[in-house]
Amino acid sequence: MVISMNCSSLLRPDTSKGMYSVKWMGTGTHLSFHGHPGEIVVDGNTVKIESLASLMGRGFKNWIVHFGCCGTINMEKHRIHDFMEAT
């Protein structure tokens, strides 16, 4: 799995459907949310990266996960590695 983050993503929040979008791209996904270190913001609620990992289980195995959320992966390296191992 590769995790990347880009604040200047071409995907933008879709205000007609909420403040986030998810785009599936074959063997990867682009998660476009508001974010904070170690968290994404979904419908105004913060979701810790560990909770996202628990929700996805092995669903991201062999996928590229692109975080288009400013600050989300700006966290301790062990948390990033734990996310990668868990998913």
C-alpha atoms as a PDB file:
ATOM      1  CA  MET A   1       0.000   0.000   0.000  1.00  0.00           C
ATOM      2  CA  VAL A   2       1.129   3.521  -0.761  1.00  0.00           C
ATOM      3  CA  ILE A   3      -0.279   6.447   1.189  1.00  0.00           C
ATOM      4  CA  SER A   4      -0.001   9.922  -0.267  1.00  0.00           C
ATOM      5  CA  MET A   5      -1.440  13.333   0.535  1.00  0.00           C
ATOM      6  CA  ASN A   6      -1.895  16.408  -1.633  1.00  0.00           C
ATOM      7  CA  CYS A   7      -3.659  19.557  -0.453  1.00  0.00           C
ATOM      8  CA  SER A   8      -4.030  20.863  -4.024  1.00  0.00           C
ATOM      9  CA  SER A   9      -6.063  17.882  -5.194  1.00  0.00           C
ATOM     10  CA  LEU A  10      -8.304  18.206  -8.225  1.00  0.00           C
ATOM     11  CA  LEU A  11     -11.130  16.623  -6.228  1.00  0.00           C
ATOM     12  CA  ARG A  12     -13.024  19.109  -4.129  1.00  0.00           C
ATOM     13  CA  PRO A  13     -15.724  18.704  -1.497  1.00  0.00           C
ATOM     14  CA  ASP A  14     -19.121  18.190  -3.120  1.00  0.00           C
ATOM     15  CA  THR A  15     -21.410  20.516  -1.201  1.00  0.00           C
ATOM     16  CA  SER A  16     -24.499  19.021  -2.825  1.00  0.00           C
ATOM     17  CA  LYS A  17     -23.782  15.634  -1.200  1.00  0.00           C
ATOM     18  CA  GLY A  18     -21.862  16.620   1.915  1.00  0.00           C
ATOM     19  CA  MET A  19     -18.375  17.953   2.506  1.00  0.00           C
ATOM     20  CA  TYR A  20     -16.417  15.007   1.140  1.00  0.00           C
ATOM     21  CA  SER A  21     -15.979  12.670  -1.775  1.00  0.00           C
ATOM     22  CA  VAL A  22     -14.417   9.295  -2.395  1.00  0.00           C
ATOM     23  CA  LYS A  23     -13.230   8.274  -5.838  1.00  0.00           C
ATOM     24  CA  TRP A  24     -12.360   4.639  -6.542  1.00  0.00           C
ATOM     25  CA  MET A  25      -9.587   4.191  -9.099  1.00  0.00           C
ATOM     26  CA  GLY A  26      -9.136   0.499  -9.936  1.00  0.00           C
ATOM     27  CA  THR A  27      -6.456  -0.534  -7.440  1.00  0.00           C
ATOM     28  CA  GLY A  28      -6.619   2.570  -5.311  1.00  0.00           C
ATOM     29  CA  THR A  29      -8.802   5.257  -3.839  1.00  0.00           C
ATOM     30  CA  HIS A  30      -8.707   8.990  -3.351  1.00  0.00           C
ATOM     31  CA  LEU A  31     -10.174  10.120  -0.040  1.00  0.00           C
ATOM     32  CA  SER A  32     -11.103  13.791  -0.197  1.00  0.00           C
ATOM     33  CA  PHE A  33     -12.148  15.104   3.204  1.00  0.00           C
ATOM     34  CA  HIS A  34     -11.328  17.929   5.524  1.00  0.00           C
ATOM     35  CA  GLY A  35      -8.685  16.656   7.916  1.00  0.00           C
ATOM     36  CA  HIS A  36      -6.481  17.144  10.944  1.00  0.00           C
ATOM     37  CA  PRO A  37      -3.372  15.199  11.970  1.00  0.00           C
ATOM     38  CA  GLY A  38      -4.468  11.576  12.267  1.00  0.00           C
ATOM     39  CA  GLU A  39      -8.129  12.329  11.505  1.00  0.00           C
ATOM     40  CA  ILE A  40     -10.593  12.942   8.693  1.00  0.00           C
ATOM     41  CA  VAL A  41     -13.758  15.000   9.107  1.00  0.00           C
ATOM     42  CA  VAL A  42     -16.957  13.317   7.892  1.00  0.00           C
ATOM     43  CA  ASP A  43     -20.232  15.247   8.130  1.00  0.00           C
ATOM     44  CA  GLY A  44     -18.708  17.442  10.835  1.00  0.00           C
ATOM     45  CA  ASN A  45     -17.486  14.491  12.913  1.00  0.00           C
ATOM     46  CA  THR A  46     -13.835  13.565  13.305  1.00  0.00           C
ATOM     47  CA  VAL A  47     -12.829   9.995  12.523  1.00  0.00           C
ATOM     48  CA  LYS A  48      -9.438   8.845  13.774  1.00  0.00           C
ATOM     49  CA  ILE A  49      -7.242   7.027  11.281  1.00  0.00           C
ATOM     50  CA  GLU A  50      -7.337   3.994  13.572  1.00  0.00           C
ATOM     51  CA  SER A  51     -11.151   3.908  13.331  1.00  0.00           C
ATOM     52  CA  LEU A  52     -10.934   4.123   9.537  1.00  0.00           C
ATOM     53  CA  ALA A  53      -8.490   1.201   9.577  1.00  0.00           C
ATOM     54  CA  SER A  54     -10.859  -0.807  11.774  1.00  0.00           C
ATOM     55  CA  LEU A  55     -13.779  -0.042   9.459  1.00  0.00           C
ATOM     56  CA  MET A  56     -11.871  -1.000   6.295  1.00  0.00           C
ATOM     57  CA  GLY A  57     -10.168  -4.087   7.705  1.00  0.00           C
ATOM     58  CA  ARG A  58      -8.052  -5.571   4.910  1.00  0.00           C
ATOM     59  CA  GLY A  59     -10.117  -3.666   2.318  1.00  0.00           C
ATOM     60  CA  PHE A  60      -7.151  -1.493   1.272  1.00  0.00           C
ATOM     61  CA  LYS A  61      -4.775  -4.466   0.843  1.00  0.00           C
ATOM     62  CA  ASN A  62      -2.528  -3.865  -2.218  1.00  0.00           C
ATOM     63  CA  TRP A  63      -4.239  -0.533  -2.903  1.00  0.00           C
ATOM     64  CA  ILE A  64      -2.899   2.983  -3.251  1.00  0.00           C
ATOM     65  CA  VAL A  65      -4.692   5.213  -0.745  1.00  0.00           C
ATOM     66  CA  HIS A  66      -4.438   8.907  -1.569  1.00  0.00           C
ATOM     67  CA  PHE A  67      -5.451  11.225   1.264  1.00  0.00           C
ATOM     68  CA  GLY A  68      -6.579  14.521  -0.308  1.00  0.00           C
ATOM     69  CA  CYS A  69      -7.058  15.916   3.203  1.00  0.00           C
ATOM     70  CA  CYS A  70      -4.724  18.567   4.526  1.00  0.00           C
ATOM     71  CA  GLY A  71      -2.951  17.390   7.625  1.00  0.00           C
ATOM     72  CA  THR A  72      -4.361  13.865   7.928  1.00  0.00           C
ATOM     73  CA  ILE A  73      -1.069  12.015   7.538  1.00  0.00           C
ATOM     74  CA  ASN A  74       0.874  14.684   9.416  1.00  0.00           C
ATOM     75  CA  MET A  75       1.088  12.361  12.418  1.00  0.00           C
ATOM     76  CA  GLU A  76       3.529  10.046  14.115  1.00  0.00           C
ATOM     77  CA  LYS A  77       5.108   7.544  11.704  1.00  0.00           C
ATOM     78  CA  HIS A  78       4.091   4.583  13.871  1.00  0.00           C
ATOM     79  CA  ARG A  79       0.410   5.515  13.355  1.00  0.00           C
ATOM     80  CA  ILE A  80       0.908   5.553   9.569  1.00  0.00           C
ATOM     81  CA  HIS A  81       2.639   2.161   9.721  1.00  0.00           C
ATOM     82  CA  ASP A  82      -0.103   0.788  11.995  1.00  0.00           C
ATOM     83  CA  PHE A  83      -2.734   1.958   9.488  1.00  0.00           C
ATOM     84  CA  MET A  84      -0.867   0.280   6.646  1.00  0.00           C
ATOM     85  CA  GLU A  85      -0.498  -2.958   8.589  1.00  0.00           C
ATOM     86  CA  ALA A  86      -4.148  -3.004   9.662  1.00  0.00           C
ATOM     87  CA  THR A  87      -5.571  -2.364   6.204  1.00  0.00           C
END
